[in-house]
Amino acid sequence: MFDLNQERDLLVIQMKSHKHPSYCSFIEEEPDGKPWYFDIKHYLKGKEYPKGASKNDKRMLRTFVTKFLLSGDVLYKRNHNMMLLICVNAKEAELF
């Protein structure tokens, strides 16, 4: 933290919004019909682990979810440069 003079030192944060995705990875339809990010989103909502998850799976999930952000019902993944990428399922990926 640092002191700011509101009349002189106020920082401006510039934000950009893109209509089209920057890139899409190949996404396959899951056999159970749930999106690839289902367990991540479920954990972020209620801190509940998938059924039958081992101790190692639980630890890996806790580590992995730190790269994701849940805003309402939309899941985002933080990129290496802190850009937020929307997580989509196979059907949504086909639309792009």
PDB file of N, CA and C in Angstrom:
ATOM      1  N   MET A   1       0.836  -1.185   0.000  1.00  0.00           N
ATOM      2  CA  MET A   1       0.000   0.000   0.000  1.00  0.00           C
ATOM      3  C   MET A   1       0.878   1.244   0.000  1.00  0.00           C
ATOM      4  N   PHE A   2       0.313   2.316  -0.555  1.00  0.00           N
ATOM      5  CA  PHE A   2       1.035   3.575  -0.584  1.00  0.00           C
ATOM      6  C   PHE A   2       0.022   4.709  -0.547  1.00  0.00           C
ATOM      7  N   ASP A   3       0.485   5.866  -0.126  1.00  0.00           N
ATOM      8  CA  ASP A   3      -0.375   7.045  -0.031  1.00  0.00           C
ATOM      9  C   ASP A   3      -0.581   7.668  -1.395  1.00  0.00           C
ATOM     10  N   LEU A   4      -1.806   8.149  -1.642  1.00  0.00           N
ATOM     11  CA  LEU A   4      -2.134   8.832  -2.886  1.00  0.00           C
ATOM     12  C   LEU A   4      -2.693  10.207  -2.587  1.00  0.00           C
ATOM     13  N   ASN A   5      -2.327  11.143  -3.404  1.00  0.00           N
ATOM     14  CA  ASN A   5      -2.946  12.450  -3.384  1.00  0.00           C
ATOM     15  C   ASN A   5      -4.044  12.391  -4.445  1.00  0.00           C
ATOM     16  N   GLN A   6      -5.307  12.424  -4.052  1.00  0.00           N
ATOM     17  CA  GLN A   6      -6.416  12.202  -4.980  1.00  0.00           C
ATOM     18  C   GLN A   6      -6.499  13.239  -6.090  1.00  0.00           C
ATOM     19  N   GLU A   7      -6.018  14.448  -5.855  1.00  0.00           N
ATOM     20  CA  GLU A   7      -6.057  15.456  -6.912  1.00  0.00           C
ATOM     21  C   GLU A   7      -4.946  15.253  -7.929  1.00  0.00           C
ATOM     22  N   ARG A   8      -3.841  14.633  -7.534  1.00  0.00           N
ATOM     23  CA  ARG A   8      -2.670  14.585  -8.383  1.00  0.00           C
ATOM     24  C   ARG A   8      -2.255  13.179  -8.800  1.00  0.00           C
ATOM     25  N   ASP A   9      -2.328  12.215  -7.918  1.00  0.00           N
ATOM     26  CA  ASP A   9      -1.717  10.912  -8.140  1.00  0.00           C
ATOM     27  C   ASP A   9      -2.689   9.784  -8.474  1.00  0.00           C
ATOM     28  N   LEU A  10      -3.903  10.091  -8.802  1.00  0.00           N
ATOM     29  CA  LEU A  10      -4.886   9.044  -9.051  1.00  0.00           C
ATOM     30  C   LEU A  10      -4.524   8.240 -10.299  1.00  0.00           C
ATOM     31  N   LEU A  11      -4.378   6.939 -10.142  1.00  0.00           N
ATOM     32  CA  LEU A  11      -3.979   6.069 -11.242  1.00  0.00           C
ATOM     33  C   LEU A  11      -5.185   5.688 -12.096  1.00  0.00           C
ATOM     34  N   VAL A  12      -4.955   5.571 -13.378  1.00  0.00           N
ATOM     35  CA  VAL A  12      -6.009   5.188 -14.316  1.00  0.00           C
ATOM     36  C   VAL A  12      -5.761   3.745 -14.745  1.00  0.00           C
ATOM     37  N   ILE A  13      -6.780   2.922 -14.627  1.00  0.00           N
ATOM     38  CA  ILE A  13      -6.688   1.528 -15.061  1.00  0.00           C
ATOM     39  C   ILE A  13      -7.453   1.401 -16.366  1.00  0.00           C
ATOM     40  N   GLN A  14      -6.753   0.990 -17.416  1.00  0.00           N
ATOM     41  CA  GLN A  14      -7.396   0.829 -18.712  1.00  0.00           C
ATOM     42  C   GLN A  14      -7.817  -0.626 -18.878  1.00  0.00           C
ATOM     43  N   MET A  15      -9.048  -0.828 -19.336  1.00  0.00           N
ATOM     44  CA  MET A  15      -9.561  -2.170 -19.558  1.00  0.00           C
ATOM     45  C   MET A  15     -10.024  -2.291 -20.998  1.00  0.00           C
ATOM     46  N   LYS A  16      -9.799  -3.466 -21.587  1.00  0.00           N
ATOM     47  CA  LYS A  16     -10.227  -3.736 -22.950  1.00  0.00           C
ATOM     48  C   LYS A  16     -11.168  -4.924 -22.946  1.00  0.00           C
ATOM     49  N   SER A  17     -12.119  -4.905 -23.842  1.00  0.00           N
ATOM     50  CA  SER A  17     -13.035  -6.022 -24.007  1.00  0.00           C
ATOM     51  C   SER A  17     -13.017  -6.437 -25.470  1.00  0.00           C
ATOM     52  N   HIS A  18     -12.851  -7.720 -25.706  1.00  0.00           N
ATOM     53  CA  HIS A  18     -12.809  -8.235 -27.067  1.00  0.00           C
ATOM     54  C   HIS A  18     -14.078  -9.030 -27.349  1.00  0.00           C
ATOM     55  N   LYS A  19     -14.652  -8.847 -28.521  1.00  0.00           N
ATOM     56  CA  LYS A  19     -15.871  -9.573 -28.878  1.00  0.00           C
ATOM     57  C   LYS A  19     -15.591 -11.019 -29.240  1.00  0.00           C
ATOM     58  N   HIS A  20     -14.431 -11.280 -29.786  1.00  0.00           N
ATOM     59  CA  HIS A  20     -14.095 -12.624 -30.224  1.00  0.00           C
ATOM     60  C   HIS A  20     -12.998 -13.202 -29.322  1.00  0.00           C
ATOM     61  N   PRO A  21     -13.007 -14.507 -29.113  1.00  0.00           N
ATOM     62  CA  PRO A  21     -11.993 -15.098 -28.242  1.00  0.00           C
ATOM     63  C   PRO A  21     -10.592 -14.971 -28.848  1.00  0.00           C
ATOM     64  N   SER A  22      -9.617 -14.856 -27.975  1.00  0.00           N
ATOM     65  CA  SER A  22      -8.244 -14.740 -28.451  1.00  0.00           C
ATOM     66  C   SER A  22      -7.747 -16.071 -28.998  1.00  0.00           C
ATOM     67  N   TYR A  23      -8.187 -17.144 -28.419  1.00  0.00           N
ATOM     68  CA  TYR A  23      -7.872 -18.473 -28.940  1.00  0.00           C
ATOM     69  C   TYR A  23      -8.846 -19.483 -28.339  1.00  0.00           C
ATOM     70  N   CYS A  24      -8.997 -20.591 -28.989  1.00  0.00           N
ATOM     71  CA  CYS A  24      -9.824 -21.685 -28.488  1.00  0.00           C
ATOM     72  C   CYS A  24      -9.016 -22.964 -28.572  1.00  0.00           C
ATOM     73  N   SER A  25      -9.057 -23.731 -27.545  1.00  0.00           N
ATOM     74  CA  SER A  25      -8.416 -25.036 -27.560  1.00  0.00           C
ATOM     75  C   SER A  25      -9.440 -26.060 -28.023  1.00  0.00           C
ATOM     76  N   PHE A  26      -8.948 -27.193 -28.472  1.00  0.00           N
ATOM     77  CA  PHE A  26      -9.838 -28.262 -28.894  1.00  0.00           C
ATOM     78  C   PHE A  26     -10.545 -28.815 -27.664  1.00  0.00           C
ATOM     79  N   ILE A  27     -11.855 -28.787 -27.672  1.00  0.00           N
ATOM     80  CA  ILE A  27     -12.645 -29.260 -26.534  1.00  0.00           C
ATOM     81  C   ILE A  27     -13.522 -30.405 -27.004  1.00  0.00           C
ATOM     82  N   GLU A  28     -13.397 -31.537 -26.363  1.00  0.00           N
ATOM     83  CA  GLU A  28     -14.226 -32.701 -26.696  1.00  0.00           C
ATOM     84  C   GLU A  28     -15.427 -32.764 -25.769  1.00  0.00           C
ATOM     85  N   GLU A  29     -16.484 -33.360 -26.258  1.00  0.00           N
ATOM     86  CA  GLU A  29     -17.678 -33.577 -25.443  1.00  0.00           C
ATOM     87  C   GLU A  29     -17.345 -34.611 -24.370  1.00  0.00           C
ATOM     88  N   GLU A  30     -17.695 -34.327 -23.142  1.00  0.00           N
ATOM     89  CA  GLU A  30     -17.437 -35.258 -22.045  1.00  0.00           C
ATOM     90  C   GLU A  30     -18.435 -36.409 -22.101  1.00  0.00           C
ATOM     91  N   PRO A  31     -18.002 -37.623 -21.772  1.00  0.00           N
ATOM     92  CA  PRO A  31     -18.906 -38.777 -21.836  1.00  0.00           C
ATOM     93  C   PRO A  31     -20.082 -38.676 -20.869  1.00  0.00           C
ATOM     94  N   ASP A  32     -19.885 -38.010 -19.716  1.00  0.00           N
ATOM     95  CA  ASP A  32     -20.969 -37.897 -18.740  1.00  0.00           C
ATOM     96  C   ASP A  32     -21.883 -36.705 -19.005  1.00  0.00           C
ATOM     97  N   GLY A  33     -21.569 -35.901 -20.034  1.00  0.00           N
ATOM     98  CA  GLY A  33     -22.411 -34.760 -20.400  1.00  0.00           C
ATOM     99  C   GLY A  33     -22.094 -33.493 -19.625  1.00  0.00           C
ATOM    100  N   LYS A  34     -21.187 -33.561 -18.672  1.00  0.00           N
ATOM    101  CA  LYS A  34     -20.805 -32.381 -17.896  1.00  0.00           C
ATOM    102  C   LYS A  34     -19.630 -31.695 -18.587  1.00  0.00           C
ATOM    103  N   PRO A  35     -19.521 -30.357 -18.465  1.00  0.00           N
ATOM    104  CA  PRO A  35     -18.391 -29.664 -19.096  1.00  0.00           C
ATOM    105  C   PRO A  35     -17.075 -30.026 -18.412  1.00  0.00           C
ATOM    106  N   TRP A  36     -15.965 -29.776 -19.075  1.00  0.00           N
ATOM    107  CA  TRP A  36     -14.647 -30.134 -18.546  1.00  0.00           C
ATOM    108  C   TRP A  36     -14.340 -29.429 -17.234  1.00  0.00           C
ATOM    109  N   TYR A  37     -14.956 -28.286 -16.995  1.00  0.00           N
ATOM    110  CA  TYR A  37     -14.675 -27.488 -15.805  1.00  0.00           C
ATOM    111  C   TYR A  37     -15.687 -27.713 -14.679  1.00  0.00           C
ATOM    112  N   PHE A  38     -16.521 -28.749 -14.779  1.00  0.00           N
ATOM    113  CA  PHE A  38     -17.593 -28.968 -13.813  1.00  0.00           C
ATOM    114  C   PHE A  38     -17.069 -29.079 -12.378  1.00  0.00           C
ATOM    115  N   ASP A  39     -16.040 -29.894 -12.155  1.00  0.00           N
ATOM    116  CA  ASP A  39     -15.508 -30.094 -10.802  1.00  0.00           C
ATOM    117  C   ASP A  39     -14.895 -28.817 -10.236  1.00  0.00           C
ATOM    118  N   ILE A  40     -14.262 -28.032 -11.095  1.00  0.00           N
ATOM    119  CA  ILE A  40     -13.655 -26.770 -10.659  1.00  0.00           C
ATOM    120  C   ILE A  40     -14.750 -25.803 -10.203  1.00  0.00           C
ATOM    121  N   LYS A  41     -15.761 -25.656 -11.028  1.00  0.00           N
ATOM    122  CA  LYS A  41     -16.864 -24.739 -10.720  1.00  0.00           C
ATOM    123  C   LYS A  41     -17.620 -25.192  -9.471  1.00  0.00           C
ATOM    124  N   HIS A  42     -17.852 -26.485  -9.357  1.00  0.00           N
ATOM    125  CA  HIS A  42     -18.560 -27.047  -8.207  1.00  0.00           C
ATOM    126  C   HIS A  42     -17.769 -26.800  -6.914  1.00  0.00           C
ATOM    127  N   TYR A  43     -16.455 -26.956  -6.977  1.00  0.00           N
ATOM    128  CA  TYR A  43     -15.621 -26.718  -5.804  1.00  0.00           C
ATOM    129  C   TYR A  43     -15.635 -25.239  -5.418  1.00  0.00           C
ATOM    130  N   LEU A  44     -15.535 -24.349  -6.394  1.00  0.00           N
ATOM    131  CA  LEU A  44     -15.525 -22.915  -6.102  1.00  0.00           C
ATOM    132  C   LEU A  44     -16.857 -22.442  -5.520  1.00  0.00           C
ATOM    133  N   LYS A  45     -17.953 -23.059  -5.936  1.00  0.00           N
ATOM    134  CA  LYS A  45     -19.269 -22.667  -5.417  1.00  0.00           C
ATOM    135  C   LYS A  45     -19.474 -23.104  -3.974  1.00  0.00           C
ATOM    136  N   GLY A  46     -19.148 -24.369  -3.679  1.00  0.00           N
ATOM    137  CA  GLY A  46     -19.502 -24.884  -2.357  1.00  0.00           C
ATOM    138  C   GLY A  46     -18.404 -25.589  -1.603  1.00  0.00           C
ATOM    139  N   LYS A  47     -17.150 -25.514  -2.094  1.00  0.00           N
ATOM    140  CA  LYS A  47     -16.019 -26.182  -1.443  1.00  0.00           C
ATOM    141  C   LYS A  47     -16.277 -27.676  -1.252  1.00  0.00           C
ATOM    142  N   GLU A  48     -16.952 -28.278  -2.216  1.00  0.00           N
ATOM    143  CA  GLU A  48     -17.225 -29.713  -2.173  1.00  0.00           C
ATOM    144  C   GLU A  48     -16.376 -30.427  -3.214  1.00  0.00           C
ATOM    145  N   TYR A  49     -15.784 -31.530  -2.800  1.00  0.00           N
ATOM    146  CA  TYR A  49     -14.944 -32.330  -3.690  1.00  0.00           C
ATOM    147  C   TYR A  49     -15.805 -33.305  -4.494  1.00  0.00           C
ATOM    148  N   PRO A  50     -15.306 -33.751  -5.642  1.00  0.00           N
ATOM    149  CA  PRO A  50     -16.032 -34.766  -6.417  1.00  0.00           C
ATOM    150  C   PRO A  50     -16.126 -36.073  -5.619  1.00  0.00           C
ATOM    151  N   LYS A  51     -17.175 -36.814  -5.863  1.00  0.00           N
ATOM    152  CA  LYS A  51     -17.346 -38.096  -5.172  1.00  0.00           C
ATOM    153  C   LYS A  51     -16.212 -39.032  -5.562  1.00  0.00           C
ATOM    154  N   GLY A  52     -15.663 -39.724  -4.591  1.00  0.00           N
ATOM    155  CA  GLY A  52     -14.606 -40.692  -4.838  1.00  0.00           C
ATOM    156  C   GLY A  52     -13.234 -40.079  -5.047  1.00  0.00           C
ATOM    157  N   ALA A  53     -13.079 -38.796  -4.758  1.00  0.00           N
ATOM    158  CA  ALA A  53     -11.781 -38.143  -4.935  1.00  0.00           C
ATOM    159  C   ALA A  53     -10.813 -38.605  -3.848  1.00  0.00           C
ATOM    160  N   SER A  54      -9.598 -38.943  -4.254  1.00  0.00           N
ATOM    161  CA  SER A  54      -8.582 -39.360  -3.290  1.00  0.00           C
ATOM    162  C   SER A  54      -7.998 -38.131  -2.595  1.00  0.00           C
ATOM    163  N   LYS A  55      -7.177 -38.372  -1.596  1.00  0.00           N
ATOM    164  CA  LYS A  55      -6.536 -37.278  -0.874  1.00  0.00           C
ATOM    165  C   LYS A  55      -5.660 -36.456  -1.822  1.00  0.00           C
ATOM    166  N   ASN A  56      -4.952 -37.134  -2.713  1.00  0.00           N
ATOM    167  CA  ASN A  56      -4.114 -36.451  -3.694  1.00  0.00           C
ATOM    168  C   ASN A  56      -4.959 -35.639  -4.682  1.00  0.00           C
ATOM    169  N   ASP A  57      -6.095 -36.204  -5.138  1.00  0.00           N
ATOM    170  CA  ASP A  57      -6.996 -35.477  -6.044  1.00  0.00           C
ATOM    171  C   ASP A  57      -7.512 -34.202  -5.388  1.00  0.00           C
ATOM    172  N   LYS A  58      -7.845 -34.285  -4.116  1.00  0.00           N
ATOM    173  CA  LYS A  58      -8.352 -33.112  -3.390  1.00  0.00           C
ATOM    174  C   LYS A  58      -7.283 -32.031  -3.289  1.00  0.00           C
ATOM    175  N   ARG A  59      -6.063 -32.444  -3.006  1.00  0.00           N
ATOM    176  CA  ARG A  59      -4.964 -31.486  -2.899  1.00  0.00           C
ATOM    177  C   ARG A  59      -4.699 -30.816  -4.249  1.00  0.00           C
ATOM    178  N   MET A  60      -4.704 -31.601  -5.318  1.00  0.00           N
ATOM    179  CA  MET A  60      -4.470 -31.054  -6.651  1.00  0.00           C
ATOM    180  C   MET A  60      -5.584 -30.091  -7.064  1.00  0.00           C
ATOM    181  N   LEU A  61      -6.827 -30.424  -6.703  1.00  0.00           N
ATOM    182  CA  LEU A  61      -7.950 -29.545  -7.028  1.00  0.00           C
ATOM    183  C   LEU A  61      -7.820 -28.217  -6.300  1.00  0.00           C
ATOM    184  N   ARG A  62      -7.471 -28.254  -5.023  1.00  0.00           N
ATOM    185  CA  ARG A  62      -7.285 -27.009  -4.262  1.00  0.00           C
ATOM    186  C   ARG A  62      -6.201 -26.135  -4.881  1.00  0.00           C
ATOM    187  N   THR A  63      -5.135 -26.758  -5.368  1.00  0.00           N
ATOM    188  CA  THR A  63      -4.052 -26.015  -6.009  1.00  0.00           C
ATOM    189  C   THR A  63      -4.490 -25.473  -7.370  1.00  0.00           C
ATOM    190  N   PHE A  64      -5.196 -26.291  -8.127  1.00  0.00           N
ATOM    191  CA  PHE A  64      -5.601 -25.944  -9.484  1.00  0.00           C
ATOM    192  C   PHE A  64      -6.607 -24.799  -9.527  1.00  0.00           C
ATOM    193  N   VAL A  65      -7.551 -24.768  -8.570  1.00  0.00           N
ATOM    194  CA  VAL A  65      -8.616 -23.758  -8.614  1.00  0.00           C
ATOM    195  C   VAL A  65      -8.114 -22.349  -8.333  1.00  0.00           C
ATOM    196  N   THR A  66      -6.888 -22.202  -7.852  1.00  0.00           N
ATOM    197  CA  THR A  66      -6.366 -20.859  -7.605  1.00  0.00           C
ATOM    198  C   THR A  66      -6.183 -20.077  -8.903  1.00  0.00           C
ATOM    199  N   LYS A  67      -6.182 -20.767 -10.040  1.00  0.00           N
ATOM    200  CA  LYS A  67      -6.028 -20.118 -11.340  1.00  0.00           C
ATOM    201  C   LYS A  67      -7.376 -19.721 -11.950  1.00  0.00           C
ATOM    202  N   PHE A  68      -8.470 -19.969 -11.225  1.00  0.00           N
ATOM    203  CA  PHE A  68      -9.808 -19.706 -11.745  1.00  0.00           C
ATOM    204  C   PHE A  68     -10.546 -18.716 -10.863  1.00  0.00           C
ATOM    205  N   LEU A  69     -11.533 -18.052 -11.473  1.00  0.00           N
ATOM    206  CA  LEU A  69     -12.356 -17.064 -10.781  1.00  0.00           C
ATOM    207  C   LEU A  69     -13.805 -17.317 -11.165  1.00  0.00           C
ATOM    208  N   LEU A  70     -14.664 -17.398 -10.175  1.00  0.00           N
ATOM    209  CA  LEU A  70     -16.090 -17.591 -10.428  1.00  0.00           C
ATOM    210  C   LEU A  70     -16.807 -16.280 -10.144  1.00  0.00           C
ATOM    211  N   SER A  71     -17.454 -15.736 -11.165  1.00  0.00           N
ATOM    212  CA  SER A  71     -18.215 -14.499 -11.039  1.00  0.00           C
ATOM    213  C   SER A  71     -19.659 -14.809 -11.397  1.00  0.00           C
ATOM    214  N   GLY A  72     -20.504 -14.896 -10.392  1.00  0.00           N
ATOM    215  CA  GLY A  72     -21.890 -15.313 -10.621  1.00  0.00           C
ATOM    216  C   GLY A  72     -21.897 -16.764 -11.062  1.00  0.00           C
ATOM    217  N   ASP A  73     -22.328 -17.004 -12.280  1.00  0.00           N
ATOM    218  CA  ASP A  73     -22.347 -18.367 -12.814  1.00  0.00           C
ATOM    219  C   ASP A  73     -21.320 -18.547 -13.933  1.00  0.00           C
ATOM    220  N   VAL A  74     -20.476 -17.546 -14.146  1.00  0.00           N
ATOM    221  CA  VAL A  74     -19.483 -17.587 -15.219  1.00  0.00           C
ATOM    222  C   VAL A  74     -18.110 -17.894 -14.615  1.00  0.00           C
ATOM    223  N   LEU A  75     -17.436 -18.884 -15.194  1.00  0.00           N
ATOM    224  CA  LEU A  75     -16.110 -19.279 -14.726  1.00  0.00           C
ATOM    225  C   LEU A  75     -15.048 -18.696 -15.655  1.00  0.00           C
ATOM    226  N   TYR A  76     -14.030 -18.080 -15.065  1.00  0.00           N
ATOM    227  CA  TYR A  76     -12.920 -17.503 -15.813  1.00  0.00           C
ATOM    228  C   TYR A  76     -11.623 -18.171 -15.370  1.00  0.00           C
ATOM    229  N   LYS A  77     -10.679 -18.274 -16.303  1.00  0.00           N
ATOM    230  CA  LYS A  77      -9.339 -18.753 -15.982  1.00  0.00           C
ATOM    231  C   LYS A  77      -8.393 -17.576 -16.125  1.00  0.00           C
ATOM    232  N   ARG A  78      -7.548 -17.401 -15.097  1.00  0.00           N
ATOM    233  CA  ARG A  78      -6.550 -16.333 -15.165  1.00  0.00           C
ATOM    234  C   ARG A  78      -5.392 -16.786 -16.041  1.00  0.00           C
ATOM    235  N   ASN A  79      -5.054 -15.986 -17.017  1.00  0.00           N
ATOM    236  CA  ASN A  79      -3.940 -16.260 -17.899  1.00  0.00           C
ATOM    237  C   ASN A  79      -2.645 -15.849 -17.198  1.00  0.00           C
ATOM    238  N   HIS A  80      -1.495 -16.161 -17.780  1.00  0.00           N
ATOM    239  CA  HIS A  80      -0.206 -15.814 -17.172  1.00  0.00           C
ATOM    240  C   HIS A  80      -0.033 -14.312 -16.994  1.00  0.00           C
ATOM    241  N   ASN A  81      -0.700 -13.512 -17.815  1.00  0.00           N
ATOM    242  CA  ASN A  81      -0.599 -12.051 -17.693  1.00  0.00           C
ATOM    243  C   ASN A  81      -1.845 -11.457 -17.024  1.00  0.00           C
ATOM    244  N   MET A  82      -2.575 -12.303 -16.267  1.00  0.00           N
ATOM    245  CA  MET A  82      -3.760 -11.926 -15.496  1.00  0.00           C
ATOM    246  C   MET A  82      -4.973 -11.579 -16.356  1.00  0.00           C
ATOM    247  N   MET A  83      -4.950 -11.917 -17.639  1.00  0.00           N
ATOM    248  CA  MET A  83      -6.119 -11.748 -18.485  1.00  0.00           C
ATOM    249  C   MET A  83      -7.117 -12.844 -18.106  1.00  0.00           C
ATOM    250  N   LEU A  84      -8.387 -12.500 -18.036  1.00  0.00           N
ATOM    251  CA  LEU A  84      -9.410 -13.476 -17.696  1.00  0.00           C
ATOM    252  C   LEU A  84      -9.977 -14.095 -18.967  1.00  0.00           C
ATOM    253  N   LEU A  85      -9.944 -15.415 -19.042  1.00  0.00           N
ATOM    254  CA  LEU A  85     -10.476 -16.159 -20.177  1.00  0.00           C
ATOM    255  C   LEU A  85     -11.740 -16.880 -19.737  1.00  0.00           C
ATOM    256  N   ILE A  86     -12.809 -16.760 -20.507  1.00  0.00           N
ATOM    257  CA  ILE A  86     -14.072 -17.423 -20.167  1.00  0.00           C
ATOM    258  C   ILE A  86     -13.953 -18.908 -20.472  1.00  0.00           C
ATOM    259  N   CYS A  87     -14.363 -19.735 -19.534  1.00  0.00           N
ATOM    260  CA  CYS A  87     -14.365 -21.180 -19.726  1.00  0.00           C
ATOM    261  C   CYS A  87     -15.669 -21.576 -20.420  1.00  0.00           C
ATOM    262  N   VAL A  88     -15.555 -22.312 -21.514  1.00  0.00           N
ATOM    263  CA  VAL A  88     -16.731 -22.725 -22.282  1.00  0.00           C
ATOM    264  C   VAL A  88     -16.738 -24.235 -22.446  1.00  0.00           C
ATOM    265  N   ASN A  89     -17.926 -24.774 -22.669  1.00  0.00           N
ATOM    266  CA  ASN A  89     -18.041 -26.218 -22.931  1.00  0.00           C
ATOM    267  C   ASN A  89     -17.918 -26.454 -24.437  1.00  0.00           C
ATOM    268  N   ALA A  90     -18.042 -27.706 -24.865  1.00  0.00           N
ATOM    269  CA  ALA A  90     -17.825 -28.064 -26.272  1.00  0.00           C
ATOM    270  C   ALA A  90     -18.836 -27.368 -27.200  1.00  0.00           C
ATOM    271  N   LYS A  91     -20.092 -27.278 -26.790  1.00  0.00           N
ATOM    272  CA  LYS A  91     -21.112 -26.655 -27.640  1.00  0.00           C
ATOM    273  C   LYS A  91     -20.860 -25.150 -27.791  1.00  0.00           C
ATOM    274  N   GLU A  92     -20.482 -24.491 -26.710  1.00  0.00           N
ATOM    275  CA  GLU A  92     -20.193 -23.052 -26.779  1.00  0.00           C
ATOM    276  C   GLU A  92     -18.946 -22.782 -27.611  1.00  0.00           C
ATOM    277  N   ALA A  93     -17.961 -23.679 -27.541  1.00  0.00           N
ATOM    278  CA  ALA A  93     -16.729 -23.507 -28.332  1.00  0.00           C
ATOM    279  C   ALA A  93     -16.995 -23.596 -29.817  1.00  0.00           C
ATOM    280  N   GLU A  94     -17.970 -24.399 -30.221  1.00  0.00           N
ATOM    281  CA  GLU A  94     -18.310 -24.533 -31.638  1.00  0.00           C
ATOM    282  C   GLU A  94     -18.894 -23.236 -32.205  1.00  0.00           C
ATOM    283  N   LEU A  95     -19.532 -22.446 -31.374  1.00  0.00           N
ATOM    284  CA  LEU A  95     -20.140 -21.194 -31.827  1.00  0.00           C
ATOM    285  C   LEU A  95     -19.094 -20.162 -32.237  1.00  0.00           C
ATOM    286  N   PHE A  96     -17.898 -20.264 -31.694  1.00  0.00           N
ATOM    287  CA  PHE A  96     -16.840 -19.315 -32.021  1.00  0.00           C
ATOM    288  C   PHE A  96     -16.113 -19.794 -33.242  1.00  0.00           C
TER     289      PHE A  96
END
